[in-house]
Amino acid sequence: MKRLLLFCLLPLLSFSQGYTSYFTGNATNITTTPEFGVCMMGGATENDNAMRWLLQKANGGDVVVLRSTGSNGYNDYLYSGLGATVNSVETLVITSVAGATNPYVLNKIANAEMIWFAGGNQWDYISYFKNNALEDLLNQHINVKHAPIGGTSAGMAILGGYYFTAQNGSVTSAQAMNNPYASNVTIDGFTGTPNRDFLNVPFLGNVITDTHYDNPDRRGRHTAFIARIMTDYSPSAYGIACNEYVAVCVGTDGIAHVYGDYPNYQEFAYFIGPNCFWGVPDPYCTPGQPLSWNSIMAYKVPGTMNGTNYFDLTNGWNYSPNPQLSGGSWETWNVNNGVFSTVSGGGPSTTCLLAVGENELEKFTALPNPFSDYIRLENAENSKVEIYDSLGKRVFVVENLISGTITTSNFSNGLYFVKIQKDGKFVTKKIVKN
């Protein structure tokens, strides 16, 4: 009886420190060599095959489940329910920054061979885990240990380089399309540095995810999220979304395999991006105005039990005439004055880069090319000028150019894109710093 009483009191004693621990398995920590993988699930029941795929990458090590509500629902499922051997499964229910940075919690994260984020409220995760020692350990887990990580619902929402924070509550598609800058359209993830500001997951740096995609229909709000990112931060922003019972798993090769039970159920993942690298929705994505943005491309992939259908995150969005993908179909999405519509067909255009090239503002030049410490822009006065690096990160912007000379001594060597916009028209130039 005394032993049972102690077991029951432990969660209460831990809760006073901002976390509760539920432990299953071998209490002696072991060290294995994990393999990187990321698994994103749509928010309903976990897909067993996708979860087994991720669990096996822990190579028999210790698994930590992070959540802000709930209890030990994952423990037996991950420890013995999937036929994959692991040393232990520990669920940590974290309810404060103090809990997230407790030495016991940090030690468990440091020694984990796999981390899983449960569903819940992503604002809790952002509030408790971001900008502290737990965030540092999570990124070490991903990028130093190269260990597997994943999440469902809110846990999937935080895995992209950009993310919907839900700081002011959720938002519907109609609300987001009616005003992409509404108070509850809260997008974060860009700091102006080479790394994103929360989780740095390979292949997801310029991605914003969304979940529960079919219930309710979230295509419109996700499109608004991407439009906001492209208007405010980067021309290369993309989306990955899962219907409720769908999972997307990505290994070291960057191939995103889609798991589900199609054709028994309508279970799809979506890979969304602009139809052109410079398909920036500006000026139609503006505060207080309905969104208008045409020709968004979406690759709709049925999820199968074995994850046979896929989308290559390393080149599926590179506007190649032969992107590496299988089993899905292209759709073209449009938003006109806040109203979403979709038609079958479309896909990456082989001519879109040419279409925004020399026909508008053709007298604009950026010299010298290659450049070193400065760029001189000619015929660009009174225009909006933006410069992006090869990864799509904006490194310079001026709304109304007065001087045609821009200092670039702090730019790293490499390829850049200079975009000039005036009177709703724009043109780009490729330039190189040596």
Protein backbone atom coordinates (compact mmCIF):
# COMPACT_ATOMS: atom_id res chain seq x y z
CA MET A 1 0.00 0.00 0.00
CA LYS A 2 2.82 2.43 0.78
CA ARG A 3 4.41 1.79 -2.61
CA LEU A 4 1.10 2.40 -4.37
CA LEU A 5 0.51 5.61 -2.41
CA LEU A 6 3.93 6.96 -3.39
CA PHE A 7 3.25 6.19 -7.05
CA CYS A 8 0.01 8.16 -6.91
CA LEU A 9 1.58 11.15 -5.18
CA LEU A 10 4.50 11.56 -7.60
CA PRO A 11 2.46 13.29 -10.32
CA LEU A 12 1.07 15.74 -7.74
CA LEU A 13 4.51 16.58 -6.35
CA SER A 14 5.88 17.11 -9.86
CA PHE A 15 2.89 19.21 -10.88
CA SER A 16 3.83 21.80 -8.27
CA GLN A 17 7.05 22.32 -10.25
CA GLY A 18 5.25 22.91 -13.55
CA TYR A 19 5.36 19.38 -14.94
CA THR A 20 3.98 15.91 -14.37
CA SER A 21 5.85 12.75 -15.39
CA TYR A 22 4.33 9.43 -16.44
CA PHE A 23 6.96 6.73 -16.99
CA THR A 24 6.81 3.30 -18.62
CA GLY A 25 9.74 0.94 -19.22
CA ASN A 26 13.32 0.59 -18.09
CA ALA A 27 14.32 3.33 -15.64
CA THR A 28 18.00 2.95 -16.57
CA ASN A 29 18.81 5.28 -19.44
CA ILE A 30 20.56 3.77 -22.45
CA THR A 31 22.26 5.50 -25.37
CA THR A 32 21.60 4.38 -28.93
CA THR A 33 22.34 5.87 -32.35
CA PRO A 34 19.07 7.27 -33.70
CA GLU A 35 18.29 8.24 -37.29
CA PHE A 36 16.66 11.52 -38.28
CA GLY A 37 13.04 11.54 -39.33
CA VAL A 38 10.09 13.87 -38.87
CA CYS A 39 6.49 12.74 -38.80
CA MET A 40 3.51 15.10 -38.97
CA MET A 41 -0.02 13.89 -38.22
CA GLY A 42 -3.35 15.55 -38.90
CA GLY A 43 -4.81 15.50 -35.43
CA ALA A 44 -7.15 12.52 -35.02
CA THR A 45 -6.15 8.93 -34.22
CA GLU A 46 -2.47 8.23 -34.88
CA ASN A 47 -1.57 6.31 -38.00
CA ASP A 48 0.09 3.15 -36.67
CA ASN A 49 2.37 2.56 -39.64
CA ALA A 50 3.62 6.14 -39.67
CA MET A 51 4.20 6.11 -35.92
CA ARG A 52 6.00 2.77 -36.17
CA TRP A 53 8.21 4.25 -38.91
CA LEU A 54 9.21 7.10 -36.60
CA LEU A 55 9.57 4.92 -33.52
CA GLN A 56 11.99 2.55 -35.24
CA LYS A 57 14.32 5.47 -35.92
CA ALA A 58 14.92 5.74 -32.16
CA ASN A 59 16.83 2.44 -32.52
CA GLY A 60 15.59 1.04 -29.23
CA GLY A 61 16.30 4.17 -27.19
CA ASP A 62 14.23 6.35 -24.90
CA VAL A 63 11.10 8.18 -26.08
CA VAL A 64 9.79 11.41 -24.56
CA VAL A 65 6.25 12.67 -25.20
CA LEU A 66 5.71 16.38 -24.57
CA ARG A 67 2.27 17.80 -23.92
CA SER A 68 0.62 20.59 -21.93
CA THR A 69 -2.63 18.78 -21.06
CA GLY A 70 -3.70 15.15 -20.69
CA SER A 71 -1.80 12.30 -19.13
CA ASN A 72 -0.18 8.99 -20.13
CA GLY A 73 -2.26 7.96 -23.13
CA TYR A 74 0.80 7.45 -25.34
CA ASN A 75 2.89 5.36 -22.96
CA ASP A 76 1.61 1.84 -23.54
CA TYR A 77 0.87 2.58 -27.20
CA LEU A 78 4.46 3.55 -27.96
CA TYR A 79 6.14 1.16 -25.53
CA SER A 80 4.40 -2.08 -26.49
CA GLY A 81 1.50 -1.39 -28.84
CA LEU A 82 3.35 -1.07 -32.15
CA GLY A 83 5.85 -3.92 -32.01
CA ALA A 84 8.87 -1.62 -32.04
CA THR A 85 11.33 -2.10 -29.19
CA VAL A 86 12.18 0.97 -27.11
CA ASN A 87 13.88 1.28 -23.74
CA SER A 88 11.27 3.57 -22.19
CA VAL A 89 8.45 6.00 -22.87
CA GLU A 90 8.02 9.01 -20.62
CA THR A 91 5.24 11.55 -20.96
CA LEU A 92 5.98 15.00 -19.57
CA VAL A 93 2.91 17.19 -19.12
CA ILE A 94 4.39 20.68 -18.94
CA THR A 95 2.28 23.56 -17.70
CA SER A 96 4.71 26.46 -17.36
CA VAL A 97 8.11 27.82 -18.33
CA ALA A 98 9.34 26.66 -14.94
CA GLY A 99 8.30 23.13 -15.82
CA ALA A 100 9.89 23.32 -19.27
CA THR A 101 13.22 24.43 -17.82
CA ASN A 102 13.20 22.16 -14.76
CA PRO A 103 16.51 20.24 -14.60
CA TYR A 104 14.67 16.91 -14.57
CA VAL A 105 12.81 17.79 -17.80
CA LEU A 106 15.94 19.10 -19.50
CA ASN A 107 17.85 15.96 -18.58
CA LYS A 108 15.13 13.77 -20.08
CA ILE A 109 15.10 15.75 -23.32
CA ALA A 110 18.89 15.65 -23.55
CA ASN A 111 18.87 11.86 -23.25
CA ALA A 112 15.89 11.13 -25.51
CA GLU A 113 16.30 9.24 -28.77
CA MET A 114 12.84 10.31 -29.99
CA ILE A 115 10.53 13.23 -29.13
CA TRP A 116 6.81 13.41 -29.84
CA PHE A 117 4.55 16.46 -29.40
CA ALA A 118 0.97 15.58 -28.52
CA GLY A 119 -2.03 17.61 -29.58
CA GLY A 120 -3.38 20.47 -27.53
CA ASN A 121 -2.81 24.20 -27.89
CA GLN A 122 0.28 25.24 -29.82
CA TRP A 123 0.38 28.56 -27.98
CA ASP A 124 1.14 26.60 -24.81
CA TYR A 125 4.10 24.94 -26.51
CA ILE A 126 5.35 28.25 -27.91
CA SER A 127 4.88 30.03 -24.58
CA TYR A 128 6.56 27.32 -22.51
CA PHE A 129 9.28 25.95 -24.85
CA LYS A 130 10.48 28.92 -26.91
CA ASN A 131 13.52 31.09 -26.13
CA ASN A 132 14.85 28.97 -23.29
CA ALA A 133 17.01 25.93 -22.54
CA LEU A 134 14.33 23.50 -23.67
CA GLU A 135 14.23 25.06 -27.14
CA ASP A 136 18.02 24.71 -27.34
CA LEU A 137 17.86 21.03 -26.43
CA LEU A 138 15.06 20.36 -28.92
CA ASN A 139 17.16 21.84 -31.71
CA GLN A 140 20.19 19.86 -30.58
CA HIS A 141 18.07 16.73 -30.68
CA ILE A 142 17.11 17.51 -34.29
CA ASN A 143 20.31 18.94 -35.73
CA VAL A 144 23.16 17.58 -33.59
CA LYS A 145 21.93 14.20 -32.50
CA HIS A 146 19.95 13.85 -35.76
CA ALA A 147 17.20 12.07 -33.88
CA PRO A 148 13.54 11.60 -34.83
CA ILE A 149 10.83 14.06 -33.89
CA GLY A 150 7.16 14.49 -34.70
CA GLY A 151 3.79 15.67 -33.58
CA THR A 152 0.05 15.67 -34.15
CA SER A 153 -2.38 18.59 -34.35
CA ALA A 154 -0.76 21.36 -32.26
CA GLY A 155 2.40 19.23 -32.26
CA MET A 156 2.48 19.33 -36.06
CA ALA A 157 1.66 23.04 -36.12
CA ILE A 158 4.97 23.99 -34.45
CA LEU A 159 7.26 21.91 -36.69
CA GLY A 160 7.46 24.32 -39.63
CA GLY A 161 9.94 27.17 -39.87
CA TYR A 162 6.86 29.39 -39.89
CA TYR A 163 3.87 28.61 -37.71
CA PHE A 164 0.40 29.76 -36.75
CA THR A 165 0.74 30.55 -33.05
CA ALA A 166 -2.96 30.61 -32.08
CA GLN A 167 -1.98 33.27 -29.54
CA ASN A 168 -5.36 34.96 -29.96
CA GLY A 169 -7.33 31.79 -30.55
CA SER A 170 -8.12 29.85 -33.70
CA VAL A 171 -9.20 31.34 -37.02
CA THR A 172 -11.51 30.04 -39.73
CA SER A 173 -10.82 30.07 -43.45
CA ALA A 174 -13.50 32.72 -44.00
CA GLN A 175 -12.02 34.99 -41.32
CA ALA A 176 -8.44 34.65 -42.56
CA MET A 177 -9.35 35.26 -46.20
CA ASN A 178 -11.55 38.21 -45.31
CA ASN A 179 -8.61 39.89 -43.55
CA PRO A 180 -5.21 38.13 -43.57
CA TYR A 181 -4.02 40.65 -40.95
CA ALA A 182 -6.87 40.09 -38.49
CA SER A 183 -5.84 39.95 -34.83
CA ASN A 184 -6.22 36.17 -34.70
CA VAL A 185 -4.10 35.53 -37.80
CA THR A 186 -0.90 35.27 -35.78
CA ILE A 187 2.09 34.08 -37.82
CA ASP A 188 5.60 33.80 -36.43
CA GLY A 189 8.89 32.19 -37.34
CA PHE A 190 11.22 34.72 -38.93
CA THR A 191 13.93 36.56 -37.03
CA GLY A 192 16.04 38.06 -39.79
CA THR A 193 18.83 35.58 -39.04
CA PRO A 194 19.82 32.49 -41.03
CA ASN A 195 17.90 30.27 -38.59
CA ARG A 196 14.23 30.36 -37.78
CA ASP A 197 13.27 31.36 -34.28
CA PHE A 198 11.87 28.15 -32.79
CA LEU A 199 12.38 24.64 -34.22
CA ASN A 200 14.84 24.21 -37.09
CA VAL A 201 13.64 21.01 -38.75
CA PRO A 202 15.40 19.95 -41.98
CA PHE A 203 13.30 20.45 -45.13
CA LEU A 204 10.72 22.55 -43.25
CA GLY A 205 12.51 25.90 -43.00
CA ASN A 206 10.19 27.78 -45.39
CA VAL A 207 7.10 25.70 -44.58
CA ILE A 208 4.00 26.46 -42.54
CA THR A 209 1.89 23.44 -41.64
CA ASP A 210 -1.81 23.02 -40.98
CA THR A 211 -3.87 20.17 -39.53
CA HIS A 212 -7.48 18.93 -39.27
CA TYR A 213 -7.60 20.04 -42.88
CA ASP A 214 -10.90 18.46 -43.82
CA ASN A 215 -12.79 19.14 -40.59
CA PRO A 216 -13.29 22.05 -40.91
CA ASP A 217 -12.03 22.98 -44.38
CA ARG A 218 -8.81 24.90 -43.72
CA ARG A 219 -7.52 25.37 -47.27
CA GLY A 220 -8.52 29.03 -47.30
CA ARG A 221 -6.88 29.95 -44.02
CA HIS A 222 -3.71 28.05 -44.93
CA THR A 223 -3.55 29.97 -48.20
CA ALA A 224 -3.91 33.20 -46.23
CA PHE A 225 -1.06 32.12 -43.94
CA ILE A 226 1.22 31.53 -46.92
CA ALA A 227 0.19 34.84 -48.48
CA ARG A 228 1.09 36.66 -45.27
CA ILE A 229 4.52 35.05 -45.12
CA MET A 230 5.24 35.82 -48.76
CA THR A 231 4.12 39.41 -48.35
CA ASP A 232 5.97 40.10 -45.11
CA TYR A 233 9.00 37.83 -45.12
CA SER A 234 9.97 35.60 -48.04
CA PRO A 235 8.98 34.79 -51.63
CA SER A 236 9.62 31.09 -51.07
CA ALA A 237 6.95 30.05 -48.61
CA TYR A 238 5.13 26.74 -48.81
CA GLY A 239 2.53 24.72 -46.99
CA ILE A 240 2.17 21.10 -45.85
CA ALA A 241 -1.23 20.01 -44.57
CA CYS A 242 -2.84 16.78 -43.40
CA ASN A 243 -6.43 15.66 -43.20
CA GLU A 244 -7.31 14.43 -39.72
CA TYR A 245 -6.27 10.77 -40.12
CA VAL A 246 -3.28 11.39 -42.40
CA ALA A 247 0.45 11.43 -41.64
CA VAL A 248 3.41 12.81 -43.59
CA CYS A 249 6.82 11.27 -42.77
CA VAL A 250 10.11 12.68 -44.04
CA GLY A 251 13.48 10.94 -43.78
CA THR A 252 17.02 12.05 -44.48
CA ASP A 253 16.37 11.98 -48.25
CA GLY A 254 13.71 14.69 -48.04
CA ILE A 255 11.00 12.44 -49.48
CA ALA A 256 7.65 13.08 -47.78
CA HIS A 257 5.68 9.80 -47.71
CA VAL A 258 1.95 10.05 -47.05
CA TYR A 259 0.17 7.53 -44.82
CA GLY A 260 -3.58 7.01 -44.57
CA ASP A 261 -6.37 4.63 -45.53
CA TYR A 262 -7.23 5.74 -49.03
CA PRO A 263 -9.35 4.67 -50.96
CA ASN A 264 -11.44 3.43 -48.04
CA TYR A 265 -11.50 7.02 -46.78
CA GLN A 266 -10.82 10.39 -48.36
CA GLU A 267 -7.47 10.86 -46.65
CA PHE A 268 -5.08 13.31 -48.30
CA ALA A 269 -2.04 15.43 -47.62
CA TYR A 270 -1.44 18.69 -49.48
CA PHE A 271 1.79 20.34 -50.59
CA ILE A 272 1.08 23.97 -51.45
CA GLY A 273 3.09 26.76 -53.01
CA PRO A 274 2.91 29.76 -55.32
CA ASN A 275 2.89 29.00 -59.01
CA CYS A 276 5.94 31.22 -59.42
CA PHE A 277 8.88 31.91 -57.16
CA TRP A 278 7.89 35.56 -57.43
CA GLY A 279 4.15 34.94 -57.10
CA VAL A 280 4.00 37.35 -54.17
CA PRO A 281 0.36 38.21 -53.36
CA ASP A 282 1.24 41.81 -52.56
CA PRO A 283 -0.54 44.19 -53.09
CA TYR A 284 -3.64 42.03 -52.73
CA CYS A 285 -2.69 40.84 -49.22
CA THR A 286 -3.16 44.00 -47.24
CA PRO A 287 -4.46 44.83 -43.74
CA GLY A 288 -8.22 45.13 -43.49
CA GLN A 289 -8.84 43.92 -47.05
CA PRO A 290 -10.03 40.55 -48.39
CA LEU A 291 -7.29 38.41 -49.88
CA SER A 292 -7.04 38.01 -53.63
CA TRP A 293 -4.42 35.63 -54.97
CA ASN A 294 -4.65 33.39 -58.00
CA SER A 295 -2.81 30.37 -59.32
CA ILE A 296 -1.65 28.75 -56.10
CA MET A 297 -0.53 25.20 -56.87
CA ALA A 298 -1.37 22.30 -54.59
CA TYR A 299 -0.27 18.68 -54.96
CA LYS A 300 -2.98 16.51 -53.38
CA VAL A 301 -1.62 13.14 -52.29
CA PRO A 302 -3.74 10.19 -51.14
CA GLY A 303 -2.39 8.57 -47.97
CA THR A 304 -1.92 4.80 -48.22
CA MET A 305 -1.31 2.23 -45.53
CA ASN A 306 2.33 1.78 -46.59
CA GLY A 307 3.08 5.40 -47.49
CA THR A 308 3.77 4.61 -51.13
CA ASN A 309 2.75 8.03 -52.47
CA TYR A 310 5.20 10.86 -51.93
CA PHE A 311 6.36 14.41 -52.60
CA ASP A 312 10.06 15.31 -52.76
CA LEU A 313 10.64 18.34 -50.53
CA THR A 314 14.09 18.87 -52.07
CA ASN A 315 12.79 19.64 -55.58
CA GLY A 316 9.01 19.27 -55.76
CA TRP A 317 8.63 23.04 -55.44
CA ASN A 318 11.48 24.04 -57.73
CA TYR A 319 9.27 24.67 -60.77
CA SER A 320 10.97 21.91 -62.71
CA PRO A 321 8.93 20.34 -65.52
CA ASN A 322 9.67 16.98 -63.86
CA PRO A 323 9.33 17.37 -60.09
CA GLN A 324 9.89 14.21 -58.04
CA LEU A 325 6.46 13.13 -56.85
CA SER A 326 4.17 10.15 -57.11
CA GLY A 327 0.55 9.14 -56.65
CA GLY A 328 -1.09 12.54 -56.34
CA SER A 329 -2.69 15.13 -58.59
CA TRP A 330 -2.27 18.86 -59.07
CA GLU A 331 -4.94 21.40 -58.21
CA THR A 332 -4.99 25.14 -58.80
CA TRP A 333 -6.33 27.22 -55.92
CA ASN A 334 -7.64 30.76 -56.24
CA VAL A 335 -8.84 33.37 -53.77
CA ASN A 336 -10.83 36.24 -55.22
CA ASN A 337 -11.96 38.98 -52.84
CA GLY A 338 -11.87 36.57 -49.91
CA VAL A 339 -13.62 33.67 -51.65
CA PHE A 340 -11.76 30.37 -52.15
CA SER A 341 -12.13 28.14 -55.20
CA THR A 342 -10.24 25.21 -56.70
CA VAL A 343 -10.00 23.51 -60.07
CA SER A 344 -8.28 20.29 -61.06
CA GLY A 345 -5.03 20.51 -62.96
CA GLY A 346 -2.21 23.02 -63.02
CA GLY A 347 1.10 22.42 -61.33
CA PRO A 348 4.51 24.03 -61.68
CA SER A 349 4.73 26.34 -64.64
CA THR A 350 7.84 26.16 -66.80
CA THR A 351 7.24 29.71 -68.06
CA CYS A 352 6.23 31.61 -64.95
CA LEU A 353 9.73 32.93 -64.25
CA LEU A 354 9.89 34.30 -67.76
CA ALA A 355 6.46 35.87 -67.42
CA VAL A 356 7.63 38.23 -64.68
CA GLY A 357 10.94 38.98 -66.31
CA GLU A 358 11.78 41.70 -68.78
CA ASN A 359 8.32 42.82 -69.90
CA GLU A 360 7.75 45.23 -67.00
CA LEU A 361 10.11 47.97 -65.83
CA GLU A 362 12.53 46.76 -68.46
CA LYS A 363 14.90 49.67 -68.00
CA PHE A 364 15.75 48.67 -64.43
CA THR A 365 19.35 47.49 -63.90
CA ALA A 366 21.38 46.29 -60.92
CA LEU A 367 25.13 46.87 -61.28
CA PRO A 368 27.82 45.71 -60.98
CA ASN A 369 27.18 42.03 -61.48
CA PRO A 370 29.03 40.29 -59.85
CA PHE A 371 29.04 42.81 -57.00
CA SER A 372 31.06 43.24 -53.82
CA ASP A 373 30.43 46.06 -51.32
CA TYR A 374 27.53 47.84 -53.03
CA ILE A 375 24.82 47.54 -55.67
CA ARG A 376 23.81 50.49 -57.84
CA LEU A 377 20.18 50.42 -58.96
CA GLU A 378 19.31 52.43 -62.06
CA ASN A 379 15.79 53.56 -63.00
CA ALA A 380 14.47 52.36 -59.65
CA GLU A 381 13.63 55.68 -58.00
CA ASN A 382 10.35 55.85 -56.03
CA SER A 383 9.97 52.07 -56.20
CA LYS A 384 9.77 49.33 -53.60
CA VAL A 385 12.99 47.34 -53.68
CA GLU A 386 13.59 43.97 -52.03
CA ILE A 387 16.64 41.71 -52.08
CA TYR A 388 16.41 37.99 -51.30
CA ASP A 389 19.11 35.40 -50.87
CA SER A 390 19.08 32.04 -52.66
CA LEU A 391 17.01 30.46 -49.86
CA GLY A 392 14.29 33.05 -50.22
CA LYS A 393 15.12 35.04 -47.09
CA ARG A 394 14.62 38.77 -47.49
CA VAL A 395 17.85 40.57 -46.58
CA PHE A 396 16.95 44.09 -47.66
CA VAL A 397 13.79 46.12 -48.23
CA VAL A 398 12.96 49.77 -48.83
CA GLU A 399 9.41 50.91 -49.54
CA ASN A 400 10.30 54.02 -51.55
CA LEU A 401 13.82 54.08 -52.91
CA ILE A 402 15.50 57.47 -52.90
CA SER A 403 19.16 56.60 -53.31
CA GLY A 404 20.12 54.10 -55.98
CA THR A 405 23.15 52.76 -54.08
CA ILE A 406 22.74 49.97 -51.53
CA THR A 407 25.58 48.89 -49.24
CA THR A 408 26.10 45.12 -49.40
CA SER A 409 29.35 44.63 -47.50
CA ASN A 410 27.55 42.50 -44.90
CA PHE A 411 26.06 40.15 -47.51
CA SER A 412 27.54 36.66 -47.73
CA ASN A 413 28.87 35.46 -51.06
CA GLY A 414 26.31 33.79 -53.29
CA LEU A 415 23.24 34.29 -55.46
CA TYR A 416 20.69 37.04 -54.79
CA PHE A 417 17.44 38.22 -56.34
CA VAL A 418 16.66 41.93 -56.61
CA LYS A 419 12.95 42.66 -56.97
CA ILE A 420 11.64 46.09 -57.87
CA GLN A 421 7.92 46.86 -57.67
CA LYS A 422 6.02 49.92 -58.86
CA ASP A 423 2.40 50.58 -59.71
CA GLY A 424 1.45 46.92 -59.21
CA LYS A 425 4.14 45.67 -61.59
CA PHE A 426 7.45 44.09 -60.74
CA VAL A 427 10.62 42.71 -62.26
CA THR A 428 13.52 40.72 -60.81
CA LYS A 429 17.21 40.45 -61.51
CA LYS A 430 19.65 37.72 -60.50
CA ILE A 431 22.95 39.02 -59.19
CA VAL A 432 25.95 37.34 -57.59
CA LYS A 433 28.27 38.48 -54.83
CA ASN A 434 31.86 37.24 -55.12
